[in-house]
């Protein structure tokens, strides 16, 4: 394969970065005769792994990069041999592609990455000289050779200075490259921080939007709570008016009950007097009958007996009328007592509702400050059954239906006071002697109470 079939891999790596000892060139002559093919012998050490794209090039002495080759040949892959042994190889360069001048050249082995793995000693392409030819050099030629040597030394010094400058430039470039790398790292860090800040900004925007929506919801809830407070205040005023009216009515009924009681007492007194008079008449009638049986003055006894019977009938009739009037008054008194009891229960219920309404108003205003205890109901018969409703009004004002429930079983009676009263009465036991009330769950206490009445 010749060098024209493909471009070999090369690089701009300087000589200081190459490893020349991994490939060793053998039997390199000091010069080769032009016009003939050239065979290159080299040894692959165990430190190199050959590849299909490795190549051997001929370079002019003084080359700087592997791109400055004069000609090249692809390095053949060795046969299967152990990797820990050296391998002898050879390549033949065609005479047509070899240099035609008498400059110094050298072989170089370049791997697939463009790195130099071995270099030979310099050699020339010139005709072979006869040993027996006497070379006569004149003084002028000697001076010319000395001048050339001087120029070559000077050029060598210049090349050394240039090499030192290039090395310094390489160090400066390397330092600049490191600085650029640091700047690149800083830029990547700034870019990463910027992305994080953008993510945080987007998160804050979303949170701000959520807070605005939450604030709108809170404002709507506050507006709703204000409306509920107004409704509760209106209900409170209405219940206060109703309570005042009920209290006035109850006072009237109590006054009527007192009048009825006085009238009943007077009627009872009159009834007792009539009863005593009737007993007296009965006794007198009995005496008259005894006299009649003895047949003393039959005509007089008959008249007295008739008169006595007439008086007795009149007294009985008057007694019946008094009893009837007493029953009427007793019925009116009982009716007044029942109405008074209902009004008292309704009065208690209205007090409950007013207390619940006050708790609702106060709880709706101070909802953000935590729960507020409801009004105490120690003075009530069964305690305040609406304290639980008042304590849970933080989510909104309690409406009227939510507090209309039984204090015994918590059954709700929305806006139906009569049904609730009847339901509450079904849980109670009333003493027929003193009208004291007991819960059905405390029946033993009720029985003991009745037994105490029987001992009086």
Protein backbone atom coordinates (compact mmCIF):
# COMPACT_ATOMS: atom_id res chain seq x y z
CA UNK A 1 0.00 0.00 0.00
CA UNK A 2 1.43 3.42 -0.86
CA UNK A 3 0.93 6.80 0.75
CA UNK A 4 -1.49 8.14 -1.88
CA UNK A 5 -4.40 5.83 -0.93
CA UNK A 6 -5.38 7.70 2.22
CA UNK A 7 -4.27 10.46 4.53
CA UNK A 8 -2.56 9.14 7.67
CA UNK A 9 -3.68 10.27 11.11
CA UNK A 10 -1.45 13.04 12.38
CA UNK A 11 -1.39 15.66 15.09
CA UNK A 12 0.23 18.91 16.12
CA UNK A 13 1.73 17.35 19.29
CA UNK A 14 5.24 18.62 20.04
CA UNK A 15 8.18 16.25 20.25
CA UNK A 16 8.45 16.51 24.02
CA UNK A 17 5.11 14.80 24.40
CA UNK A 18 5.97 11.72 22.30
CA UNK A 19 7.28 8.28 23.33
CA UNK A 20 10.09 7.35 20.96
CA UNK A 21 11.20 4.21 22.78
CA UNK A 22 8.12 2.05 22.09
CA UNK A 23 9.24 1.28 18.51
CA UNK A 24 12.95 0.68 17.74
CA UNK A 25 14.28 1.03 14.16
CA UNK A 26 17.04 -1.45 13.26
CA UNK A 27 19.85 -1.53 10.66
CA UNK A 28 19.43 2.08 9.61
CA UNK A 29 22.25 3.11 7.23
CA UNK A 30 23.99 6.47 7.31
CA UNK A 31 22.96 7.02 3.69
CA UNK A 32 20.97 5.28 0.98
CA UNK A 33 21.67 5.34 -2.75
CA UNK A 34 18.94 7.21 -4.69
CA UNK A 35 16.95 5.35 -7.35
CA UNK A 36 16.34 2.14 -5.43
CA UNK A 37 13.62 0.85 -3.10
CA UNK A 38 14.21 1.28 0.62
CA UNK A 39 13.45 -1.40 3.22
CA UNK A 40 12.81 -0.21 6.77
CA UNK A 41 13.32 -2.64 9.67
CA UNK A 42 11.82 -1.95 13.11
CA UNK A 43 10.87 -3.76 16.32
CA UNK A 44 7.53 -3.39 18.17
CA UNK A 45 8.16 -3.58 21.91
CA UNK A 46 5.67 -4.94 24.45
CA UNK A 47 4.81 -1.33 25.43
CA UNK A 48 2.83 -0.65 22.26
CA UNK A 49 -0.38 -2.15 20.90
CA UNK A 50 -0.37 -1.97 17.06
CA UNK A 51 -3.49 -0.93 15.17
CA UNK A 52 -4.61 -0.98 11.58
CA UNK A 53 -4.19 2.80 11.21
CA UNK A 54 -0.55 2.91 12.45
CA UNK A 55 1.95 4.13 9.84
CA UNK A 56 5.69 4.68 9.24
CA UNK A 57 6.75 7.97 7.69
CA UNK A 58 9.97 9.55 6.42
CA UNK A 59 10.50 12.99 7.97
CA UNK A 60 13.13 15.66 7.25
CA UNK A 61 15.27 16.25 10.33
CA UNK A 62 14.00 19.28 12.24
CA UNK A 63 10.30 18.54 11.76
CA UNK A 64 7.88 19.92 14.36
CA UNK A 65 4.61 18.03 13.85
CA UNK A 66 3.63 14.68 12.38
CA UNK A 67 1.94 16.51 9.52
CA UNK A 68 5.36 17.34 8.04
CA UNK A 69 6.02 13.84 6.71
CA UNK A 70 7.61 13.48 3.25
CA UNK A 71 6.09 10.08 2.48
CA UNK A 72 4.55 7.23 4.49
CA UNK A 73 3.46 3.60 4.39
CA UNK A 74 0.77 1.86 6.47
CA UNK A 75 2.31 -0.34 9.13
CA UNK A 76 1.28 -3.98 8.70
CA UNK A 77 -0.31 -5.73 11.66
CA UNK A 78 1.94 -8.42 13.15
CA UNK A 79 0.88 -12.05 13.23
CA UNK A 80 -0.58 -13.53 16.42
CA UNK A 81 2.22 -13.38 18.97
CA UNK A 82 2.24 -13.06 22.77
CA UNK A 83 1.70 -9.49 23.89
CA UNK A 84 4.72 -9.61 26.25
CA UNK A 85 7.33 -10.18 23.48
CA UNK A 86 8.89 -7.92 20.87
CA UNK A 87 7.92 -8.28 17.20
CA UNK A 88 10.19 -7.70 14.18
CA UNK A 89 8.54 -5.88 11.26
CA UNK A 90 9.63 -4.38 7.95
CA UNK A 91 8.24 -2.00 5.32
CA UNK A 92 9.48 -1.30 1.80
CA UNK A 93 9.32 2.24 0.36
CA UNK A 94 9.17 2.56 -3.43
CA UNK A 95 12.06 4.52 -5.02
CA UNK A 96 9.62 6.80 -6.83
CA UNK A 97 8.32 8.26 -3.53
CA UNK A 98 11.71 8.72 -1.85
CA UNK A 99 13.37 12.16 -1.47
CA UNK A 100 15.69 13.33 -4.26
CA UNK A 101 17.82 15.78 -2.26
CA UNK A 102 20.73 15.10 0.09
CA UNK A 103 19.06 16.42 3.27
CA UNK A 104 19.01 14.37 6.43
CA UNK A 105 15.86 12.27 7.04
CA UNK A 106 14.66 9.78 9.65
CA UNK A 107 12.01 7.07 10.05
CA UNK A 108 9.12 7.70 12.54
CA UNK A 109 6.42 5.29 13.71
CA UNK A 110 3.05 7.09 14.20
CA UNK A 111 0.06 5.39 15.90
CA UNK A 112 -3.62 5.79 14.99
CA UNK A 113 -3.93 8.80 17.32
CA UNK A 114 -1.14 10.70 15.53
CA UNK A 115 1.35 10.12 18.36
CA UNK A 116 5.06 9.36 17.66
CA UNK A 117 6.00 5.97 19.13
CA UNK A 118 9.52 5.63 17.68
CA UNK A 119 12.16 7.46 15.59
CA UNK A 120 15.36 6.33 13.86
CA UNK A 121 18.80 7.94 13.57
CA UNK A 122 19.17 10.43 10.68
CA UNK A 123 20.27 9.27 7.22
CA UNK A 124 20.84 10.74 3.73
CA UNK A 125 20.03 9.87 0.13
CA UNK A 126 23.29 10.29 -1.87
CA UNK A 127 25.58 8.32 -4.15
CA UNK A 128 28.19 6.01 -2.70
CA UNK A 129 31.81 7.42 -2.76
CA UNK A 130 34.91 5.40 -3.46
CA UNK A 131 37.26 4.98 -0.51
CA UNK A 132 40.35 5.26 -2.65
CA UNK A 133 39.48 8.68 -4.08
CA UNK A 134 41.63 11.36 -2.60
CA UNK A 135 39.68 14.42 -1.81
CA UNK A 136 41.72 17.58 -2.24
CA UNK A 137 40.27 20.55 -0.50
CA UNK A 138 41.60 24.00 -1.22
CA UNK A 139 41.96 26.74 1.32
CA UNK A 140 38.97 28.55 -0.08
CA UNK A 141 36.80 25.48 0.28
CA UNK A 142 37.99 25.04 3.85
CA UNK A 143 37.12 28.63 4.63
CA UNK A 144 33.78 28.15 2.95
CA UNK A 145 33.15 25.00 5.02
CA UNK A 146 34.16 26.85 8.18
CA UNK A 147 31.78 29.63 7.24
CA UNK A 148 29.03 27.12 6.64
CA UNK A 149 29.76 25.48 10.00
CA UNK A 150 29.69 28.89 11.65
CA UNK A 151 26.39 29.66 9.98
CA UNK A 152 25.08 26.28 10.99
CA UNK A 153 26.12 26.86 14.60
CA UNK A 154 24.51 30.27 14.51
CA UNK A 155 21.38 28.77 13.00
CA UNK A 156 21.50 26.03 15.65
CA UNK A 157 21.67 28.66 18.40
CA UNK A 158 18.81 30.53 16.80
CA UNK A 159 16.84 27.31 16.59
CA UNK A 160 17.58 26.60 20.26
CA UNK A 161 16.44 30.10 21.19
CA UNK A 162 13.38 29.64 19.01
CA UNK A 163 12.72 26.29 20.67
CA UNK A 164 13.07 27.88 24.12
CA UNK A 165 10.71 30.65 23.03
CA UNK A 166 8.27 28.11 21.71
CA UNK A 167 8.51 26.19 24.97
CA UNK A 168 7.85 29.38 26.91
CA UNK A 169 4.99 30.20 24.54
CA UNK A 170 3.67 26.68 25.05
CA UNK A 171 3.81 27.17 28.82
CA UNK A 172 2.03 30.50 28.49
CA UNK A 173 -0.59 28.91 26.26
CA UNK A 174 -0.95 26.05 28.71
CA UNK A 175 -1.43 28.53 31.56
CA UNK A 176 -3.90 30.48 29.46
CA UNK A 177 -5.67 27.21 28.67
CA UNK A 178 -5.87 26.44 32.40
CA UNK A 179 -7.26 29.92 33.02
CA UNK A 180 -9.78 29.41 30.25
CA UNK A 181 -10.71 26.07 31.78
CA UNK A 182 -11.22 27.74 35.17
CA UNK A 183 -13.31 30.43 33.50
CA UNK A 184 -15.29 27.71 31.74
CA UNK A 185 -15.87 25.96 35.06
CA UNK A 186 -16.91 29.26 36.65
CA UNK A 187 -19.25 29.88 33.73
CA UNK A 188 -20.78 26.42 34.13
CA UNK A 189 -21.19 27.03 37.85
CA UNK A 190 -22.83 30.41 37.19
CA UNK A 191 -25.06 28.82 34.59
CA UNK A 192 -26.07 26.10 37.05
CA UNK A 193 -26.74 28.71 39.76
CA UNK A 194 -28.76 30.73 37.27
CA UNK A 195 -30.88 27.70 36.41
CA UNK A 196 -31.43 27.01 40.11
CA UNK A 197 -32.40 30.64 40.70
CA UNK A 198 -34.79 30.49 37.74
CA UNK A 199 -36.37 27.35 39.19
CA UNK A 200 -36.67 29.05 42.59
CA UNK A 201 -38.14 32.13 40.89
CA UNK A 202 -40.74 30.00 39.11
CA UNK A 203 -41.52 28.23 42.37
CA UNK A 204 -41.91 31.58 44.15
CA UNK A 205 -44.16 32.83 41.36
CA UNK A 206 -46.36 29.74 41.69
CA UNK A 207 -46.41 30.13 45.48
CA UNK A 208 -47.27 33.82 45.12
CA UNK A 209 -50.09 32.96 42.75
CA UNK A 210 -51.35 30.31 45.17
CA UNK A 211 -51.20 32.80 48.05
CA UNK A 212 -53.14 35.34 46.00
CA UNK A 213 -55.80 32.74 45.24
CA UNK A 214 -55.85 31.78 48.93
CA UNK A 215 -56.17 35.45 49.87
CA UNK A 216 -59.11 35.82 47.48
CA UNK A 217 -60.73 32.75 49.06
CA UNK A 218 -60.13 34.19 52.53
CA UNK A 219 -61.69 37.49 51.47
CA UNK A 220 -64.71 35.64 50.09
CA UNK A 221 -64.97 33.63 53.32
CA UNK A 222 -64.65 36.85 55.35
CA UNK A 223 -67.41 38.45 53.31
CA UNK A 224 -69.57 35.35 53.82
CA UNK A 225 -68.82 35.42 57.55
CA UNK A 226 -69.81 39.08 57.72
CA UNK A 227 -73.10 38.23 56.02
CA UNK A 228 -73.62 35.34 58.42
CA UNK A 229 -72.85 37.65 61.36
CA UNK A 230 -75.45 40.08 60.07
CA UNK A 231 -77.94 37.23 59.72
CA UNK A 232 -77.13 35.98 63.22
CA UNK A 233 -77.47 39.51 64.59
CA UNK A 234 -80.82 39.84 62.88
CA UNK A 235 -81.90 36.46 64.28
CA UNK A 236 -80.67 37.54 67.69
CA UNK A 237 -82.73 40.74 67.56
CA UNK A 238 -85.75 38.77 66.39
CA UNK A 239 -85.27 36.21 69.17
CA UNK A 240 -84.82 38.96 71.76
CA UNK A 241 -88.08 40.51 70.63
CA UNK A 242 -89.74 37.11 70.76
CA UNK A 243 -88.24 36.45 74.19
CA UNK A 244 -89.46 39.79 75.51
CA UNK A 245 -92.93 39.08 74.18
CA UNK A 246 -92.84 35.60 75.71
CA UNK A 247 -91.71 37.02 79.06
CA UNK A 248 -94.53 39.56 79.02
CA UNK A 249 -97.01 36.83 78.14
CA UNK A 250 -95.59 34.64 80.87
CA UNK A 251 -95.97 37.45 83.41
CA UNK A 252 -99.59 37.84 82.36
CA UNK A 253 -100.14 34.11 82.65
CA UNK A 254 -98.49 34.03 86.05
CA UNK A 255 -100.77 36.85 87.16
CA UNK A 256 -103.77 34.90 85.84
CA UNK A 257 -102.53 31.78 87.59
CA UNK A 258 -102.28 33.68 90.88
CA UNK A 259 -105.81 34.98 90.40
CA UNK A 260 -107.01 31.47 89.56
CA UNK A 261 -105.27 30.09 92.62
CA UNK A 262 -106.89 32.72 94.86
CA UNK A 263 -110.29 32.04 93.31
CA UNK A 264 -109.80 28.29 93.64
CA UNK A 265 -108.76 28.74 97.25
CA UNK A 266 -111.86 30.84 97.97
CA UNK A 267 -114.01 28.27 96.19
CA UNK A 268 -112.37 25.50 98.17
CA UNK A 269 -113.10 27.38 101.37
CA UNK A 270 -116.72 27.92 100.32
CA UNK A 271 -116.96 24.25 99.35
CA UNK A 272 -115.69 23.21 102.75
CA UNK A 273 -118.23 25.48 104.43
CA UNK A 274 -121.00 24.04 102.26
CA UNK A 275 -119.79 20.56 103.07
CA UNK A 276 -119.88 21.30 106.78
CA UNK A 277 -123.35 22.78 106.41
CA UNK A 278 -124.43 19.72 104.43
CA UNK A 279 -123.10 17.44 107.14
CA UNK A 280 -124.99 19.45 109.70
CA UNK A 281 -128.15 19.17 107.64
CA UNK A 282 -127.61 15.45 107.20
CA UNK A 283 -127.26 15.05 110.93
CA UNK A 284 -130.39 17.13 111.48
CA UNK A 285 -132.18 15.11 108.81
CA UNK A 286 -131.16 11.95 110.58
CA UNK A 287 -132.51 13.24 113.84
CA UNK A 288 -135.76 14.21 112.14
CA UNK A 289 -136.07 10.75 110.68
CA UNK A 290 -135.61 9.27 114.13
CA UNK A 291 -138.34 11.53 115.38
CA UNK A 292 -140.55 10.58 112.43
CA UNK A 293 -140.20 6.92 113.25
CA UNK A 294 -141.37 7.58 116.76
CA UNK A 295 -144.56 9.08 115.23
CA UNK A 296 -144.41 12.30 117.17
CA UNK A 297 -146.70 14.83 115.60
CA UNK A 298 -146.86 13.31 112.13
CA UNK A 299 -148.14 16.46 110.49
CA UNK A 300 -145.41 18.62 111.98
CA UNK A 301 -142.75 16.00 111.21
CA UNK A 302 -143.94 15.76 107.63
CA UNK A 303 -143.70 19.52 107.20
CA UNK A 304 -140.30 19.73 108.84
CA UNK A 305 -139.08 16.71 106.89
CA UNK A 306 -140.25 18.24 103.62
CA UNK A 307 -138.62 21.52 104.48
CA UNK A 308 -135.45 19.72 105.48
CA UNK A 309 -135.45 17.72 102.28
CA UNK A 310 -135.94 20.92 100.29
CA UNK A 311 -133.01 22.54 102.09
CA UNK A 312 -130.97 19.43 101.57
CA UNK A 313 -131.76 19.41 97.85
CA UNK A 314 -130.93 23.11 97.61
CA UNK A 315 -127.65 22.56 99.38
CA UNK A 316 -126.84 19.56 97.20
CA UNK A 317 -127.60 21.57 94.07
CA UNK A 318 -125.51 24.48 95.33
CA UNK A 319 -122.74 22.05 96.22
CA UNK A 320 -122.87 20.54 92.73
CA UNK A 321 -122.68 24.02 91.24
CA UNK A 322 -119.71 24.82 93.45
CA UNK A 323 -118.05 21.55 92.43
CA UNK A 324 -118.70 22.27 88.77
CA UNK A 325 -117.31 25.80 89.15
CA UNK A 326 -114.35 24.37 91.04
CA UNK A 327 -113.70 21.86 88.23
CA UNK A 328 -113.89 24.67 85.65
CA UNK A 329 -111.45 26.81 87.62
CA UNK A 330 -109.20 23.81 88.21
CA UNK A 331 -109.19 23.07 84.47
CA UNK A 332 -108.37 26.72 83.73
CA UNK A 333 -105.62 26.59 86.33
CA UNK A 334 -104.20 23.40 84.82
CA UNK A 335 -104.39 24.91 81.34
CA UNK A 336 -102.66 28.05 82.60
CA UNK A 337 -100.01 25.90 84.31
CA UNK A 338 -99.39 23.97 81.09
CA UNK A 339 -99.15 27.16 79.05
CA UNK A 340 -96.91 28.66 81.70
CA UNK A 341 -94.69 25.55 81.57
CA UNK A 342 -94.51 25.74 77.78
CA UNK A 343 -93.65 29.41 77.95
CA UNK A 344 -90.95 28.72 80.49
CA UNK A 345 -89.46 26.02 78.25
CA UNK A 346 -89.70 28.29 75.24
CA UNK A 347 -88.10 31.03 77.32
CA UNK A 348 -85.21 28.70 78.19
CA UNK A 349 -84.88 27.71 74.53
CA UNK A 350 -84.81 31.35 73.47
CA UNK A 351 -82.12 31.99 76.04
CA UNK A 352 -80.15 29.08 74.56
CA UNK A 353 -80.58 30.50 71.08
CA UNK A 354 -79.55 33.98 72.19
CA UNK A 355 -76.48 32.58 73.91
CA UNK A 356 -75.63 30.53 70.82
CA UNK A 357 -76.13 33.62 68.64
CA UNK A 358 -73.74 35.67 70.80
CA UNK A 359 -71.15 32.88 70.62
CA UNK A 360 -71.58 32.70 66.83
CA UNK A 361 -71.00 36.45 66.41
CA UNK A 362 -67.98 36.50 68.69
CA UNK A 363 -66.48 33.31 67.17
CA UNK A 364 -66.88 34.57 63.60
CA UNK A 365 -65.02 37.82 64.43
CA UNK A 366 -62.20 36.18 66.41
CA UNK A 367 -61.81 33.04 64.28
CA UNK A 368 -58.16 33.82 63.42
CA UNK A 369 -57.29 34.20 67.13
CA UNK A 370 -58.28 30.62 68.10
CA UNK A 371 -61.40 29.09 69.68
CA UNK A 372 -63.37 31.07 72.30
CA UNK A 373 -65.20 29.24 75.12
CA UNK A 374 -68.97 29.32 74.87
CA UNK A 375 -71.20 30.76 77.63
CA UNK A 376 -71.52 28.65 80.76
CA UNK A 377 -74.87 27.10 81.57
CA UNK A 378 -74.49 26.00 85.22
CA UNK A 379 -77.77 27.68 86.16
CA UNK A 380 -79.74 25.62 83.63
CA UNK A 381 -81.51 22.40 84.55
CA UNK A 382 -79.51 20.22 82.10
CA UNK A 383 -76.59 22.55 81.45
CA UNK A 384 -76.14 24.36 78.15
CA UNK A 385 -76.71 21.77 75.37
CA UNK A 386 -75.42 24.23 72.75
CA UNK A 387 -71.93 24.76 74.12
CA UNK A 388 -70.55 22.24 71.58
CA UNK A 389 -72.31 24.10 68.78
CA UNK A 390 -70.91 27.42 70.02
CA UNK A 391 -67.37 26.04 70.30
CA UNK A 392 -67.33 24.80 66.72
CA UNK A 393 -68.42 28.02 65.03
CA UNK A 394 -64.86 28.81 63.80
CA UNK A 395 -65.65 27.49 60.34
CA UNK A 396 -68.63 29.90 60.01
CA UNK A 397 -71.58 31.22 61.99
CA UNK A 398 -73.87 28.46 63.22
CA UNK A 399 -77.30 28.74 61.72
CA UNK A 400 -80.50 28.37 63.72
CA UNK A 401 -81.20 24.77 62.69
CA UNK A 402 -77.81 23.56 63.92
CA UNK A 403 -78.59 24.45 67.55
CA UNK A 404 -82.18 23.14 67.62
CA UNK A 405 -81.31 19.73 68.97
CA UNK A 406 -82.26 17.62 71.93
CA UNK A 407 -79.98 18.08 74.98
CA UNK A 408 -80.44 14.39 75.82
CA UNK A 409 -79.74 12.58 72.53
CA UNK A 410 -78.52 15.42 70.21
CA UNK A 411 -81.35 14.81 67.74
CA UNK A 412 -81.84 17.90 65.55
CA UNK A 413 -85.23 19.61 65.08
CA UNK A 414 -84.72 22.35 62.49
CA UNK A 415 -87.09 25.28 63.13
CA UNK A 416 -89.70 23.10 64.88
CA UNK A 417 -89.88 24.15 68.51
CA UNK A 418 -93.08 22.26 69.39
CA UNK A 419 -91.76 18.96 68.09
CA UNK A 420 -88.53 19.50 69.98
CA UNK A 421 -90.41 20.34 73.20
CA UNK A 422 -92.51 17.18 72.90
CA UNK A 423 -89.35 15.16 72.22
CA UNK A 424 -87.58 16.66 75.24
CA UNK A 425 -90.63 15.95 77.45
CA UNK A 426 -90.49 12.31 76.35
CA UNK A 427 -87.10 12.08 78.08
CA UNK A 428 -88.47 13.48 81.39
CA UNK A 429 -90.46 12.21 84.37
CA UNK A 430 -92.69 14.73 86.27
CA UNK A 431 -93.56 14.39 89.94
CA UNK A 432 -97.39 14.54 90.26
CA UNK A 433 -97.10 16.10 93.73
CA UNK A 434 -94.52 18.88 93.40
CA UNK A 435 -94.01 19.14 89.57
CA UNK A 436 -90.29 18.47 89.92
CA UNK A 437 -88.69 17.03 86.75
CA UNK A 438 -86.31 14.05 86.45
CA UNK A 439 -84.59 12.36 83.52
CA UNK A 440 -85.87 8.91 82.56
CA UNK A 441 -82.33 7.62 82.84
CA UNK A 442 -82.50 8.53 86.58
CA UNK A 443 -85.71 6.56 87.31
CA UNK A 444 -84.33 5.31 90.62
CA UNK A 445 -83.96 8.91 91.81
CA UNK A 446 -87.54 9.57 90.68
CA UNK A 447 -88.82 6.52 92.62
CA UNK A 448 -86.94 7.63 95.75
CA UNK A 449 -88.47 11.08 95.39
CA UNK A 450 -92.01 9.62 95.27
CA UNK A 451 -91.24 7.45 98.27
CA UNK A 452 -90.22 10.55 100.22
CA UNK A 453 -93.60 12.09 99.40
CA UNK A 454 -95.34 8.96 100.74
CA UNK A 455 -93.56 9.37 104.07
CA UNK A 456 -94.82 12.92 104.59
